[in-house]
Amino acid sequence: MRWSREGWDSRRRGKTRYKYKYRLIAELDDKGLLRITFYHPFKTNSLKTSKELAGAAGRLVMDVIPGEVLEKGLIKDVEIIVERDKTLDLVREVV
């Protein structure tokens, strides 16, 4: 099974708020492995940024996957892949 979504999300670092466009693809195979690929516009040089984006992917994927998949317990393991896509939009605001 495969689900996908594009949309806008935001994150905050200090006094700067970043609104960014993301692309999320979730694939569930026969063995129960849920592979989430999260595309974002950030330059990820730090582990902290990668962890924050992986957390965002986990939060956003819950809106993509149908409830019956979660209720039946078909997901046994999760793999999150965070990748940069320079074509996605990024808006920076100082608050």
C-alpha atoms as a PDB file:
ATOM      1  CA  MET A   1       0.000   0.000   0.000  1.00  0.00           C
ATOM      2  CA  ARG A   2       1.178   3.506  -0.794  1.00  0.00           C
ATOM      3  CA  TRP A   3       0.038   6.946   0.321  1.00  0.00           C
ATOM      4  CA  SER A   4       1.394  10.384  -0.478  1.00  0.00           C
ATOM      5  CA  ARG A   5       0.784  13.990   0.433  1.00  0.00           C
ATOM      6  CA  GLU A   6       2.149  17.451  -0.294  1.00  0.00           C
ATOM      7  CA  GLY A   7       1.567  20.460   1.883  1.00  0.00           C
ATOM      8  CA  TRP A   8       2.980  23.217   4.054  1.00  0.00           C
ATOM      9  CA  ASP A   9       4.389  22.865   7.554  1.00  0.00           C
ATOM     10  CA  SER A  10       6.349  25.155   9.842  1.00  0.00           C
ATOM     11  CA  ARG A  11       9.108  24.870  12.380  1.00  0.00           C
ATOM     12  CA  ARG A  12      10.753  27.369  14.639  1.00  0.00           C
ATOM     13  CA  ARG A  13      14.396  27.823  15.514  1.00  0.00           C
ATOM     14  CA  GLY A  14      15.024  30.674  17.962  1.00  0.00           C
ATOM     15  CA  LYS A  15      13.278  33.799  16.683  1.00  0.00           C
ATOM     16  CA  THR A  16      13.054  32.520  13.128  1.00  0.00           C
ATOM     17  CA  ARG A  17      10.016  30.655  11.831  1.00  0.00           C
ATOM     18  CA  TYR A  18      10.398  28.586   8.693  1.00  0.00           C
ATOM     19  CA  LYS A  19       7.357  27.736   6.601  1.00  0.00           C
ATOM     20  CA  TYR A  20       8.229  25.044   4.121  1.00  0.00           C
ATOM     21  CA  LYS A  21       6.617  22.869   1.527  1.00  0.00           C
ATOM     22  CA  TYR A  22       7.047  19.139   1.998  1.00  0.00           C
ATOM     23  CA  ARG A  23       6.348  15.931   0.100  1.00  0.00           C
ATOM     24  CA  LEU A  24       5.584  12.782   2.076  1.00  0.00           C
ATOM     25  CA  ILE A  25       5.420   9.250   0.666  1.00  0.00           C
ATOM     26  CA  ALA A  26       4.481   6.318   2.904  1.00  0.00           C
ATOM     27  CA  GLU A  27       4.733   2.708   1.709  1.00  0.00           C
ATOM     28  CA  LEU A  28       3.638  -0.363   3.652  1.00  0.00           C
ATOM     29  CA  ASP A  29       5.014  -3.702   2.448  1.00  0.00           C
ATOM     30  CA  ASP A  30       3.763  -7.251   3.065  1.00  0.00           C
ATOM     31  CA  LYS A  31       6.050  -7.767   6.072  1.00  0.00           C
ATOM     32  CA  GLY A  32       4.642  -4.770   7.958  1.00  0.00           C
ATOM     33  CA  LEU A  33       7.502  -2.335   7.276  1.00  0.00           C
ATOM     34  CA  LEU A  34       6.250   1.235   6.911  1.00  0.00           C
ATOM     35  CA  ARG A  35       8.798   3.234   4.914  1.00  0.00           C
ATOM     36  CA  ILE A  36       8.261   6.997   5.174  1.00  0.00           C
ATOM     37  CA  THR A  37      10.167   9.233   2.755  1.00  0.00           C
ATOM     38  CA  PHE A  38      10.028  12.909   3.708  1.00  0.00           C
ATOM     39  CA  TYR A  39      11.263  15.505   1.203  1.00  0.00           C
ATOM     40  CA  HIS A  40      12.069  19.010   2.515  1.00  0.00           C
ATOM     41  CA  PRO A  41      13.949  22.153   1.322  1.00  0.00           C
ATOM     42  CA  PHE A  42      16.404  22.481   4.248  1.00  0.00           C
ATOM     43  CA  LYS A  43      20.146  22.056   4.096  1.00  0.00           C
ATOM     44  CA  THR A  44      20.551  19.415   6.841  1.00  0.00           C
ATOM     45  CA  ASN A  45      24.040  19.671   8.215  1.00  0.00           C
ATOM     46  CA  SER A  46      23.079  18.855  11.779  1.00  0.00           C
ATOM     47  CA  LEU A  47      21.679  15.768  13.423  1.00  0.00           C
ATOM     48  CA  LYS A  48      19.267  17.973  15.391  1.00  0.00           C
ATOM     49  CA  THR A  49      17.630  19.265  12.200  1.00  0.00           C
ATOM     50  CA  SER A  50      17.353  15.747  10.796  1.00  0.00           C
ATOM     51  CA  LYS A  51      15.709  14.535  14.003  1.00  0.00           C
ATOM     52  CA  GLU A  52      13.256  17.435  13.987  1.00  0.00           C
ATOM     53  CA  LEU A  53      12.287  16.705  10.375  1.00  0.00           C
ATOM     54  CA  ALA A  54      11.919  12.972  11.096  1.00  0.00           C
ATOM     55  CA  GLY A  55       9.597  13.896  13.967  1.00  0.00           C
ATOM     56  CA  ALA A  56       7.581  16.102  11.622  1.00  0.00           C
ATOM     57  CA  ALA A  57       7.336  13.211   9.159  1.00  0.00           C
ATOM     58  CA  GLY A  58       6.040  10.925  11.911  1.00  0.00           C
ATOM     59  CA  ARG A  59       3.475  13.517  12.958  1.00  0.00           C
ATOM     60  CA  LEU A  60       2.288  14.222   9.407  1.00  0.00           C
ATOM     61  CA  VAL A  61       2.094  10.569   8.340  1.00  0.00           C
ATOM     62  CA  MET A  62      -0.672   9.934  10.865  1.00  0.00           C
ATOM     63  CA  ASP A  63      -2.996  12.092   8.725  1.00  0.00           C
ATOM     64  CA  VAL A  64      -2.121  10.160   5.559  1.00  0.00           C
ATOM     65  CA  ILE A  65      -2.547   6.556   6.678  1.00  0.00           C
ATOM     66  CA  PRO A  66      -6.161   5.327   6.889  1.00  0.00           C
ATOM     67  CA  GLY A  67      -7.457   4.476  10.368  1.00  0.00           C
ATOM     68  CA  GLU A  68      -8.248   0.848   9.517  1.00  0.00           C
ATOM     69  CA  VAL A  69      -4.554   0.161   8.800  1.00  0.00           C
ATOM     70  CA  LEU A  70      -3.673   1.417  12.278  1.00  0.00           C
ATOM     71  CA  GLU A  71      -6.562  -0.435  13.948  1.00  0.00           C
ATOM     72  CA  LYS A  72      -5.675  -3.781  12.378  1.00  0.00           C
ATOM     73  CA  GLY A  73      -2.069  -3.510  13.591  1.00  0.00           C
ATOM     74  CA  LEU A  74      -0.543  -4.061  10.143  1.00  0.00           C
ATOM     75  CA  ILE A  75       2.480  -1.861  10.914  1.00  0.00           C
ATOM     76  CA  LYS A  76       5.291  -3.825  12.569  1.00  0.00           C
ATOM     77  CA  ASP A  77       8.285  -1.554  11.977  1.00  0.00           C
ATOM     78  CA  VAL A  78       8.909   2.008  10.731  1.00  0.00           C
ATOM     79  CA  GLU A  79      11.759   3.428   8.664  1.00  0.00           C
ATOM     80  CA  ILE A  80      11.969   7.211   8.131  1.00  0.00           C
ATOM     81  CA  ILE A  81      14.068   8.604   5.299  1.00  0.00           C
ATOM     82  CA  VAL A  82      14.671  12.373   5.284  1.00  0.00           C
ATOM     83  CA  GLU A  83      15.868  13.837   1.964  1.00  0.00           C
ATOM     84  CA  ARG A  84      16.427  17.313   0.622  1.00  0.00           C
ATOM     85  CA  ASP A  85      14.590  18.527  -2.464  1.00  0.00           C
ATOM     86  CA  LYS A  86      15.805  21.970  -3.600  1.00  0.00           C
ATOM     87  CA  THR A  87      12.686  22.543  -5.723  1.00  0.00           C
ATOM     88  CA  LEU A  88      10.423  22.813  -2.646  1.00  0.00           C
ATOM     89  CA  ASP A  89       9.617  26.298  -1.319  1.00  0.00           C
ATOM     90  CA  LEU A  90      10.995  27.751   1.915  1.00  0.00           C
ATOM     91  CA  VAL A  91       9.769  30.977   3.564  1.00  0.00           C
ATOM     92  CA  ARG A  92      11.780  32.486   6.411  1.00  0.00           C
ATOM     93  CA  GLU A  93      10.175  34.930   8.875  1.00  0.00           C
ATOM     94  CA  VAL A  94      11.808  36.638  11.835  1.00  0.00           C
ATOM     95  CA  VAL A  95       9.333  36.805  14.711  1.00  0.00           C
END
